Amino acid sequence: MANHKSALKRQRQDEKRRLRNRYHRGRMRTTIRAFRSAIEAGDMDTAATLLASAISLTDRAQTKGVIHKNTASRKISRLQAAYNAASAA
């Protein structure tokens, strides 16, 4: 347990940031999961909507520092490739 005033403040800040990061990461993951299930179901209209949403949420998470920019780029690239492969089939 923190004893110094500055350590207590750091602890409060870390908890706020953890919850904020968890919120953005969770929304991103949920949307990606929904996108993948729409692809498996063959529902391309829903998949297109979810793809745009997933890309937006991934970019937002990267902007806020929740995930690294290369990780965001890789995720977006894989989502787009999955969509292109499903729409071609």
N, C-alpha and C. Protein backbone atom coordinates (compact mmCIF):
# COMPACT_ATOMS: atom_id res chain seq x y z
N MET A 1 0.85 -1.18 0.00
CA MET A 1 0.00 0.00 0.00
C MET A 1 0.89 1.24 0.00
N ALA A 2 0.49 2.21 -0.80
CA ALA A 2 1.26 3.44 -0.91
C ALA A 2 1.13 4.28 0.35
N ASN A 3 2.21 4.95 0.73
CA ASN A 3 2.21 5.77 1.92
C ASN A 3 2.37 7.26 1.62
N HIS A 4 3.17 7.59 0.60
CA HIS A 4 3.43 8.98 0.28
C HIS A 4 2.26 9.58 -0.49
N LYS A 5 2.12 10.87 -0.34
CA LYS A 5 1.03 11.57 -1.01
C LYS A 5 1.10 11.40 -2.53
N SER A 6 2.30 11.52 -3.06
CA SER A 6 2.46 11.39 -4.51
C SER A 6 2.18 9.96 -4.98
N ALA A 7 2.54 8.97 -4.17
CA ALA A 7 2.28 7.58 -4.52
C ALA A 7 0.79 7.28 -4.48
N LEU A 8 0.09 7.89 -3.53
CA LEU A 8 -1.37 7.71 -3.47
C LEU A 8 -2.04 8.32 -4.69
N LYS A 9 -1.56 9.49 -5.10
CA LYS A 9 -2.11 10.13 -6.30
C LYS A 9 -1.82 9.28 -7.53
N ARG A 10 -0.62 8.77 -7.63
CA ARG A 10 -0.25 7.91 -8.76
C ARG A 10 -1.15 6.67 -8.80
N GLN A 11 -1.46 6.13 -7.65
CA GLN A 11 -2.33 4.96 -7.57
C GLN A 11 -3.74 5.29 -8.09
N ARG A 12 -4.26 6.46 -7.70
CA ARG A 12 -5.58 6.88 -8.18
C ARG A 12 -5.57 7.08 -9.69
N GLN A 13 -4.52 7.70 -10.20
CA GLN A 13 -4.42 7.95 -11.64
C GLN A 13 -4.32 6.64 -12.42
N ASP A 14 -3.53 5.72 -11.91
CA ASP A 14 -3.35 4.43 -12.57
C ASP A 14 -4.67 3.67 -12.66
N GLU A 15 -5.46 3.74 -11.61
CA GLU A 15 -6.74 3.03 -11.61
C GLU A 15 -7.70 3.65 -12.63
N LYS A 16 -7.72 4.99 -12.71
CA LYS A 16 -8.56 5.66 -13.71
C LYS A 16 -8.13 5.26 -15.11
N ARG A 17 -6.83 5.26 -15.35
CA ARG A 17 -6.32 4.92 -16.67
C ARG A 17 -6.60 3.46 -17.01
N ARG A 18 -6.46 2.58 -16.02
CA ARG A 18 -6.72 1.16 -16.24
C ARG A 18 -8.16 0.95 -16.68
N LEU A 19 -9.10 1.60 -16.00
CA LEU A 19 -10.51 1.46 -16.35
C LEU A 19 -10.81 2.05 -17.71
N ARG A 20 -10.20 3.19 -18.02
CA ARG A 20 -10.42 3.81 -19.33
C ARG A 20 -9.86 2.93 -20.44
N ASN A 21 -8.65 2.40 -20.23
CA ASN A 21 -8.04 1.51 -21.23
C ASN A 21 -8.87 0.25 -21.42
N ARG A 22 -9.37 -0.28 -20.31
CA ARG A 22 -10.18 -1.50 -20.36
C ARG A 22 -11.46 -1.27 -21.16
N TYR A 23 -12.07 -0.10 -20.99
CA TYR A 23 -13.29 0.24 -21.72
C TYR A 23 -13.03 0.26 -23.22
N HIS A 24 -11.99 0.97 -23.64
CA HIS A 24 -11.70 1.09 -25.07
C HIS A 24 -11.27 -0.26 -25.67
N ARG A 25 -10.44 -1.00 -24.94
CA ARG A 25 -10.01 -2.30 -25.43
C ARG A 25 -11.18 -3.27 -25.53
N GLY A 26 -12.06 -3.23 -24.56
CA GLY A 26 -13.22 -4.11 -24.55
C GLY A 26 -14.18 -3.83 -25.69
N ARG A 27 -14.47 -2.55 -25.93
CA ARG A 27 -15.35 -2.19 -27.06
C ARG A 27 -14.74 -2.65 -28.38
N MET A 28 -13.43 -2.46 -28.52
CA MET A 28 -12.75 -2.86 -29.75
C MET A 28 -12.86 -4.37 -29.95
N ARG A 29 -12.56 -5.13 -28.90
CA ARG A 29 -12.59 -6.59 -29.00
C ARG A 29 -14.00 -7.11 -29.28
N THR A 30 -15.00 -6.52 -28.65
CA THR A 30 -16.38 -6.96 -28.85
C THR A 30 -16.81 -6.73 -30.29
N THR A 31 -16.46 -5.59 -30.85
CA THR A 31 -16.82 -5.29 -32.23
C THR A 31 -16.10 -6.22 -33.20
N ILE A 32 -14.84 -6.51 -32.94
CA ILE A 32 -14.08 -7.43 -33.79
C ILE A 32 -14.69 -8.82 -33.73
N ARG A 33 -15.08 -9.24 -32.53
CA ARG A 33 -15.71 -10.56 -32.36
C ARG A 33 -17.03 -10.63 -33.14
N ALA A 34 -17.82 -9.57 -33.07
CA ALA A 34 -19.09 -9.52 -33.80
C ALA A 34 -18.84 -9.53 -35.31
N PHE A 35 -17.80 -8.82 -35.74
CA PHE A 35 -17.44 -8.80 -37.16
C PHE A 35 -17.08 -10.21 -37.65
N ARG A 36 -16.27 -10.90 -36.88
CA ARG A 36 -15.85 -12.26 -37.28
C ARG A 36 -17.03 -13.22 -37.32
N SER A 37 -17.97 -13.08 -36.39
CA SER A 37 -19.14 -13.96 -36.41
C SER A 37 -20.05 -13.63 -37.59
N ALA A 38 -20.13 -12.35 -37.98
CA ALA A 38 -20.91 -11.97 -39.15
C ALA A 38 -20.29 -12.53 -40.42
N ILE A 39 -18.97 -12.55 -40.48
CA ILE A 39 -18.26 -13.13 -41.63
C ILE A 39 -18.57 -14.64 -41.72
N GLU A 40 -18.50 -15.32 -40.57
CA GLU A 40 -18.77 -16.77 -40.56
C GLU A 40 -20.21 -17.06 -40.96
N ALA A 41 -21.14 -16.19 -40.56
CA ALA A 41 -22.54 -16.39 -40.90
C ALA A 41 -22.83 -16.02 -42.36
N GLY A 42 -21.90 -15.32 -42.99
CA GLY A 42 -22.07 -14.94 -44.39
C GLY A 42 -22.89 -13.67 -44.57
N ASP A 43 -23.10 -12.92 -43.51
CA ASP A 43 -23.87 -11.69 -43.56
C ASP A 43 -22.94 -10.52 -43.90
N MET A 44 -22.77 -10.25 -45.18
CA MET A 44 -21.78 -9.28 -45.62
C MET A 44 -22.21 -7.83 -45.35
N ASP A 45 -23.52 -7.57 -45.33
CA ASP A 45 -23.98 -6.21 -45.05
C ASP A 45 -23.63 -5.81 -43.62
N THR A 46 -23.93 -6.70 -42.69
CA THR A 46 -23.59 -6.44 -41.29
C THR A 46 -22.08 -6.39 -41.11
N ALA A 47 -21.38 -7.28 -41.81
CA ALA A 47 -19.92 -7.33 -41.71
C ALA A 47 -19.30 -6.01 -42.18
N ALA A 48 -19.85 -5.43 -43.25
CA ALA A 48 -19.31 -4.16 -43.75
C ALA A 48 -19.49 -3.05 -42.72
N THR A 49 -20.64 -3.02 -42.08
CA THR A 49 -20.90 -2.01 -41.05
C THR A 49 -19.98 -2.22 -39.86
N LEU A 50 -19.85 -3.47 -39.44
CA LEU A 50 -19.01 -3.79 -38.28
C LEU A 50 -17.52 -3.56 -38.60
N LEU A 51 -17.14 -3.77 -39.85
CA LEU A 51 -15.75 -3.52 -40.23
C LEU A 51 -15.40 -2.05 -40.05
N ALA A 52 -16.28 -1.17 -40.52
CA ALA A 52 -16.03 0.27 -40.37
C ALA A 52 -15.97 0.64 -38.90
N SER A 53 -16.86 0.08 -38.11
CA SER A 53 -16.88 0.36 -36.68
C SER A 53 -15.62 -0.17 -35.99
N ALA A 54 -15.21 -1.39 -36.36
CA ALA A 54 -14.01 -1.99 -35.75
C ALA A 54 -12.76 -1.19 -36.10
N ILE A 55 -12.67 -0.72 -37.33
CA ILE A 55 -11.51 0.08 -37.73
C ILE A 55 -11.49 1.38 -36.95
N SER A 56 -12.65 2.01 -36.80
CA SER A 56 -12.73 3.26 -36.06
C SER A 56 -12.33 3.07 -34.60
N LEU A 57 -12.85 2.02 -33.97
CA LEU A 57 -12.54 1.77 -32.57
C LEU A 57 -11.07 1.40 -32.37
N THR A 58 -10.51 0.67 -33.33
CA THR A 58 -9.09 0.30 -33.25
C THR A 58 -8.21 1.54 -33.38
N ASP A 59 -8.57 2.43 -34.32
CA ASP A 59 -7.82 3.68 -34.46
C ASP A 59 -7.93 4.53 -33.20
N ARG A 60 -9.12 4.56 -32.62
CA ARG A 60 -9.32 5.36 -31.41
C ARG A 60 -8.49 4.81 -30.25
N ALA A 61 -8.45 3.48 -30.13
CA ALA A 61 -7.66 2.87 -29.06
C ALA A 61 -6.18 3.17 -29.24
N GLN A 62 -5.73 3.18 -30.50
CA GLN A 62 -4.34 3.49 -30.78
C GLN A 62 -4.04 4.95 -30.47
N THR A 63 -4.95 5.84 -30.81
CA THR A 63 -4.77 7.26 -30.55
C THR A 63 -4.68 7.55 -29.07
N LYS A 64 -5.45 6.83 -28.28
CA LYS A 64 -5.47 7.05 -26.84
C LYS A 64 -4.35 6.31 -26.12
N GLY A 65 -3.54 5.56 -26.85
CA GLY A 65 -2.40 4.89 -26.26
C GLY A 65 -2.73 3.56 -25.61
N VAL A 66 -3.90 3.01 -25.91
CA VAL A 66 -4.30 1.73 -25.32
C VAL A 66 -3.53 0.59 -25.99
N ILE A 67 -3.37 0.69 -27.32
CA ILE A 67 -2.60 -0.30 -28.05
C ILE A 67 -1.54 0.43 -28.89
N HIS A 68 -0.52 -0.29 -29.26
CA HIS A 68 0.58 0.27 -30.05
C HIS A 68 0.11 0.50 -31.48
N LYS A 69 0.72 1.45 -32.17
CA LYS A 69 0.27 1.79 -33.53
C LYS A 69 0.48 0.63 -34.50
N ASN A 70 1.55 -0.14 -34.32
CA ASN A 70 1.77 -1.29 -35.21
C ASN A 70 0.73 -2.38 -34.95
N THR A 71 0.34 -2.55 -33.71
CA THR A 71 -0.70 -3.52 -33.37
C THR A 71 -2.01 -3.11 -34.01
N ALA A 72 -2.35 -1.84 -33.95
CA ALA A 72 -3.58 -1.34 -34.56
C ALA A 72 -3.54 -1.55 -36.06
N SER A 73 -2.42 -1.25 -36.67
CA SER A 73 -2.26 -1.42 -38.11
C SER A 73 -2.41 -2.89 -38.51
N ARG A 74 -1.81 -3.78 -37.74
CA ARG A 74 -1.90 -5.21 -38.02
C ARG A 74 -3.34 -5.71 -37.89
N LYS A 75 -4.02 -5.30 -36.84
CA LYS A 75 -5.40 -5.72 -36.63
C LYS A 75 -6.30 -5.25 -37.77
N ILE A 76 -6.16 -3.99 -38.15
CA ILE A 76 -6.98 -3.43 -39.23
C ILE A 76 -6.70 -4.16 -40.54
N SER A 77 -5.44 -4.43 -40.81
CA SER A 77 -5.06 -5.13 -42.03
C SER A 77 -5.68 -6.53 -42.08
N ARG A 78 -5.65 -7.23 -40.97
CA ARG A 78 -6.21 -8.58 -40.93
C ARG A 78 -7.73 -8.58 -41.05
N LEU A 79 -8.36 -7.58 -40.45
CA LEU A 79 -9.82 -7.47 -40.58
C LEU A 79 -10.21 -7.20 -42.03
N GLN A 80 -9.49 -6.29 -42.67
CA GLN A 80 -9.77 -5.95 -44.06
C GLN A 80 -9.52 -7.15 -44.97
N ALA A 81 -8.46 -7.89 -44.70
CA ALA A 81 -8.16 -9.08 -45.50
C ALA A 81 -9.24 -10.15 -45.33
N ALA A 82 -9.73 -10.31 -44.12
CA ALA A 82 -10.80 -11.28 -43.87
C ALA A 82 -12.06 -10.87 -44.61
N TYR A 83 -12.38 -9.59 -44.60
CA TYR A 83 -13.57 -9.10 -45.29
C TYR A 83 -13.43 -9.30 -46.80
N ASN A 84 -12.26 -8.96 -47.33
CA ASN A 84 -12.04 -9.11 -48.79
C ASN A 84 -12.12 -10.58 -49.21
N ALA A 85 -11.56 -11.47 -48.40
CA ALA A 85 -11.61 -12.90 -48.73
C ALA A 85 -13.04 -13.42 -48.67
N ALA A 86 -13.82 -12.97 -47.69
CA ALA A 86 -15.20 -13.44 -47.55
C ALA A 86 -16.08 -12.88 -48.68
N SER A 87 -15.83 -11.65 -49.06
CA SER A 87 -16.67 -11.05 -50.12
C SER A 87 -16.31 -11.62 -51.50
N ALA A 88 -15.07 -12.07 -51.67
CA ALA A 88 -14.66 -12.68 -52.93
C ALA A 88 -15.24 -14.08 -53.07
N ALA A 89 -15.45 -14.75 -51.97
CA ALA A 89 -15.95 -16.13 -52.01
C ALA A 89 -17.45 -16.20 -52.23
